[in-house]
C-alpha atoms as a PDB file:
ATOM      1  CA  MET A   1     118.497  51.497 357.771  1.00  0.00           C
ATOM      2  CA  ILE A   2     116.760  54.801 358.512  1.00  0.00           C
ATOM      3  CA  GLU A   3     119.029  56.809 356.183  1.00  0.00           C
ATOM      4  CA  GLN A   4     118.246  54.609 353.182  1.00  0.00           C
ATOM      5  CA  SER A   5     114.555  54.548 354.086  1.00  0.00           C
ATOM      6  CA  LEU A   6     114.359  58.343 354.102  1.00  0.00           C
ATOM      7  CA  ARG A   7     116.179  58.545 350.756  1.00  0.00           C
ATOM      8  CA  THR A   8     113.747  56.025 349.239  1.00  0.00           C
ATOM      9  CA  ILE A   9     110.714  57.897 350.613  1.00  0.00           C
ATOM     10  CA  ILE A  10     111.945  61.144 349.059  1.00  0.00           C
ATOM     11  CA  LEU A  11     112.808  59.599 345.682  1.00  0.00           C
ATOM     12  CA  ASP A  12     109.499  57.683 345.531  1.00  0.00           C
ATOM     13  CA  ASP A  13     107.474  60.881 345.986  1.00  0.00           C
ATOM     14  CA  SER A  14     106.136  61.874 342.560  1.00  0.00           C
ATOM     15  CA  THR A  15     106.231  65.604 343.282  1.00  0.00           C
ATOM     16  CA  LEU A  16     109.841  65.548 344.444  1.00  0.00           C
ATOM     17  CA  SER A  17     111.054  63.183 341.736  1.00  0.00           C
ATOM     18  CA  GLY A  18     109.688  65.636 339.176  1.00  0.00           C
ATOM     19  CA  LEU A  19     111.606  68.518 340.762  1.00  0.00           C
ATOM     20  CA  LEU A  20     114.967  66.846 341.426  1.00  0.00           C
ATOM     21  CA  ALA A  21     117.765  65.845 339.079  1.00  0.00           C
ATOM     22  CA  ALA A  22     117.830  62.067 338.504  1.00  0.00           C
ATOM     23  CA  GLY A  23     118.848  60.307 341.734  1.00  0.00           C
ATOM     24  CA  GLY A  24     119.400  63.719 343.312  1.00  0.00           C
ATOM     25  CA  VAL A  25     119.431  62.714 346.998  1.00  0.00           C
ATOM     26  CA  TYR A  26     122.869  62.276 348.579  1.00  0.00           C
ATOM     27  CA  PRO A  27     124.219  61.482 352.056  1.00  0.00           C
ATOM     28  CA  SER A  28     126.543  63.862 353.925  1.00  0.00           C
ATOM     29  CA  PHE A  29     127.790  66.209 351.172  1.00  0.00           C
ATOM     30  CA  LEU A  30     127.114  67.395 347.636  1.00  0.00           C
ATOM     31  CA  PRO A  31     129.301  65.320 345.299  1.00  0.00           C
ATOM     32  CA  GLN A  32     131.299  67.441 342.885  1.00  0.00           C
ATOM     33  CA  GLY A  33     129.842  67.647 339.402  1.00  0.00           C
ATOM     34  CA  LYS A  34     126.384  66.282 340.293  1.00  0.00           C
ATOM     35  CA  ALA A  35     123.344  67.823 338.635  1.00  0.00           C
ATOM     36  CA  THR A  36     121.041  70.112 340.564  1.00  0.00           C
ATOM     37  CA  PRO A  37     118.495  70.621 341.970  1.00  0.00           C
ATOM     38  CA  CYS A  38     119.272  68.035 344.595  1.00  0.00           C
ATOM     39  CA  ILE A  39     119.083  67.252 348.315  1.00  0.00           C
ATOM     40  CA  VAL A  40     121.850  66.364 350.752  1.00  0.00           C
ATOM     41  CA  TYR A  41     120.896  64.757 354.080  1.00  0.00           C
ATOM     42  CA  GLN A  42     122.793  64.357 357.342  1.00  0.00           C
ATOM     43  CA  PHE A  43     121.695  62.269 360.329  1.00  0.00           C
ATOM     44  CA  GLU A  44     122.424  62.798 364.002  1.00  0.00           C
ATOM     45  CA  GLY A  45     121.456  60.005 366.313  1.00  0.00           C
ATOM     46  CA  PRO A  46     119.956  57.820 367.375  1.00  0.00           C
ATOM     47  CA  MET A  47     119.404  59.665 370.615  1.00  0.00           C
ATOM     48  CA  PRO A  48     118.754  57.682 373.812  1.00  0.00           C
ATOM     49  CA  PRO A  49     115.773  55.398 373.162  1.00  0.00           C
ATOM     50  CA  LEU A  50     112.216  56.145 374.166  1.00  0.00           C
ATOM     51  CA  THR A  51     110.183  53.202 375.430  1.00  0.00           C
ATOM     52  CA  ALA A  52     106.453  53.059 375.884  1.00  0.00           C
ATOM     53  CA  GLY A  53     105.963  49.872 377.855  1.00  0.00           C
ATOM     54  CA  GLY A  54     106.560  47.558 374.903  1.00  0.00           C
ATOM     55  CA  VAL A  55     109.387  45.521 373.510  1.00  0.00           C
ATOM     56  CA  HIS A  56     110.026  47.866 370.589  1.00  0.00           C
ATOM     57  CA  THR A  57     112.350  50.762 371.150  1.00  0.00           C
ATOM     58  CA  VAL A  58     111.600  54.034 369.433  1.00  0.00           C
ATOM     59  CA  GLU A  59     114.737  56.013 368.671  1.00  0.00           C
ATOM     60  CA  ARG A  60     114.928  59.726 367.872  1.00  0.00           C
ATOM     61  CA  TYR A  61     116.982  61.032 364.968  1.00  0.00           C
ATOM     62  CA  THR A  62     117.696  64.615 364.012  1.00  0.00           C
ATOM     63  CA  VAL A  63     118.025  65.084 360.275  1.00  0.00           C
ATOM     64  CA  THR A  64     119.266  68.081 358.319  1.00  0.00           C
ATOM     65  CA  LEU A  65     118.168  68.242 354.696  1.00  0.00           C
ATOM     66  CA  LYS A  66     119.871  70.779 352.465  1.00  0.00           C
ATOM     67  CA  VAL A  67     118.372  71.650 349.093  1.00  0.00           C
ATOM     68  CA  PHE A  68     120.702  72.949 346.365  1.00  0.00           C
ATOM     69  CA  SER A  69     119.645  74.682 343.142  1.00  0.00           C
ATOM     70  CA  GLU A  70     121.148  77.208 340.761  1.00  0.00           C
ATOM     71  CA  THR A  71     117.965  79.297 340.917  1.00  0.00           C
ATOM     72  CA  TYR A  72     115.623  80.195 343.761  1.00  0.00           C
ATOM     73  CA  GLY A  73     112.347  78.789 342.352  1.00  0.00           C
ATOM     74  CA  PRO A  74     113.271  75.102 342.499  1.00  0.00           C
ATOM     75  CA  THR A  75     114.763  75.552 345.979  1.00  0.00           C
ATOM     76  CA  ARG A  76     111.466  76.986 347.213  1.00  0.00           C
ATOM     77  CA  ASP A  77     109.344  74.336 345.460  1.00  0.00           C
ATOM     78  CA  ILE A  78     111.450  71.413 346.720  1.00  0.00           C
ATOM     79  CA  SER A  79     111.431  72.815 350.262  1.00  0.00           C
ATOM     80  CA  LYS A  80     107.641  73.092 350.241  1.00  0.00           C
ATOM     81  CA  ALA A  81     107.290  69.553 348.866  1.00  0.00           C
ATOM     82  CA  LEU A  82     109.673  68.177 351.539  1.00  0.00           C
ATOM     83  CA  VAL A  83     107.746  69.895 354.329  1.00  0.00           C
ATOM     84  CA  THR A  84     104.445  68.564 352.953  1.00  0.00           C
ATOM     85  CA  LEU A  85     105.841  65.029 352.655  1.00  0.00           C
ATOM     86  CA  LEU A  86     107.779  64.801 355.912  1.00  0.00           C
ATOM     87  CA  ASN A  87     105.876  66.875 358.467  1.00  0.00           C
ATOM     88  CA  GLY A  88     103.712  64.354 360.317  1.00  0.00           C
ATOM     89  CA  LEU A  89     104.936  61.376 358.271  1.00  0.00           C
ATOM     90  CA  SER A  90     104.159  57.959 359.719  1.00  0.00           C
ATOM     91  CA  THR A  91     105.011  54.992 357.497  1.00  0.00           C
ATOM     92  CA  THR A  92     106.840  51.701 357.092  1.00  0.00           C
ATOM     93  CA  GLN A  93     109.717  51.482 354.633  1.00  0.00           C
ATOM     94  CA  GLY A  94     111.302  48.026 354.526  1.00  0.00           C
ATOM     95  CA  SER A  95     112.240  47.095 358.106  1.00  0.00           C
ATOM     96  CA  THR A  96     112.109  50.734 359.263  1.00  0.00           C
ATOM     97  CA  VAL A  97     108.953  51.986 360.942  1.00  0.00           C
ATOM     98  CA  ILE A  98     108.752  55.762 361.092  1.00  0.00           C
ATOM     99  CA  VAL A  99     106.447  56.402 364.022  1.00  0.00           C
ATOM    100  CA  SER A 100     106.415  60.166 363.547  1.00  0.00           C
ATOM    101  CA  SER A 101     108.358  62.995 362.004  1.00  0.00           C
ATOM    102  CA  ARG A 102     108.228  66.721 362.526  1.00  0.00           C
ATOM    103  CA  VAL A 103     109.763  69.606 360.611  1.00  0.00           C
ATOM    104  CA  LEU A 104     111.473  71.825 363.167  1.00  0.00           C
ATOM    105  CA  ASN A 105     112.846  74.624 361.007  1.00  0.00           C
ATOM    106  CA  VAL A 106     113.186  75.802 357.403  1.00  0.00           C
ATOM    107  CA  PHE A 107     115.834  78.345 356.453  1.00  0.00           C
ATOM    108  CA  SER A 108     116.655  79.749 352.990  1.00  0.00           C
ATOM    109  CA  ASP A 109     120.140  80.930 352.067  1.00  0.00           C
ATOM    110  CA  TYR A 110     122.572  81.490 349.216  1.00  0.00           C
ATOM    111  CA  GLU A 111     125.967  79.719 349.085  1.00  0.00           C
ATOM    112  CA  ASP A 112     128.425  82.255 347.652  1.00  0.00           C
ATOM    113  CA  THR A 113     131.171  79.662 347.217  1.00  0.00           C
ATOM    114  CA  LEU A 114     128.961  77.275 345.234  1.00  0.00           C
ATOM    115  CA  GLU A 115     126.871  80.059 343.681  1.00  0.00           C
ATOM    116  CA  MET A 116     123.690  78.159 344.561  1.00  0.00           C
ATOM    117  CA  HIS A 117     120.466  78.846 346.349  1.00  0.00           C
ATOM    118  CA  THR A 118     119.934  76.601 349.351  1.00  0.00           C
ATOM    119  CA  ALA A 119     117.301  75.710 351.879  1.00  0.00           C
ATOM    120  CA  ILE A 120     118.034  73.982 355.165  1.00  0.00           C
ATOM    121  CA  ILE A 121     115.303  71.863 356.728  1.00  0.00           C
ATOM    122  CA  ASP A 122     115.696  70.469 360.248  1.00  0.00           C
ATOM    123  CA  LEU A 123     113.632  67.373 360.929  1.00  0.00           C
ATOM    124  CA  SER A 124     113.038  65.139 363.934  1.00  0.00           C
ATOM    125  CA  ILE A 125     112.171  61.484 363.250  1.00  0.00           C
ATOM    126  CA  HIS A 126     111.055  58.846 365.756  1.00  0.00           C
ATOM    127  CA  ALA A 127     111.552  55.368 364.308  1.00  0.00           C
ATOM    128  CA  THR A 128     112.251  51.701 364.981  1.00  0.00           C
ATOM    129  CA  GLU A 129     114.506  49.529 362.862  1.00  0.00           C
END
């Protein structure tokens, strides 16, 4: 499953694992009481498949990654590490083949309600499962 593959890729990265709280990658929303800094991811897709004359279908996913931290420094460092890891990524993770990925946008913000610094990273992934 592409969602689990992306989570594994992030957690297996030595730079990111050193910056994140233990197991700090969550689907959909930030669970209450979880340690920060952490990442929350949301998937949109798959979009209509792309075919290139073969039997494998490449599907496009849009992913939003949101970094949460109580201070700005870790938010910035994790964002940079995510962009370095994911922009241009091509790999196989289990039965998922990520053909390509591209960072589309990075936006920094502050969540008044949560009192946390955030970064939002929009990513496009082309993959087969």
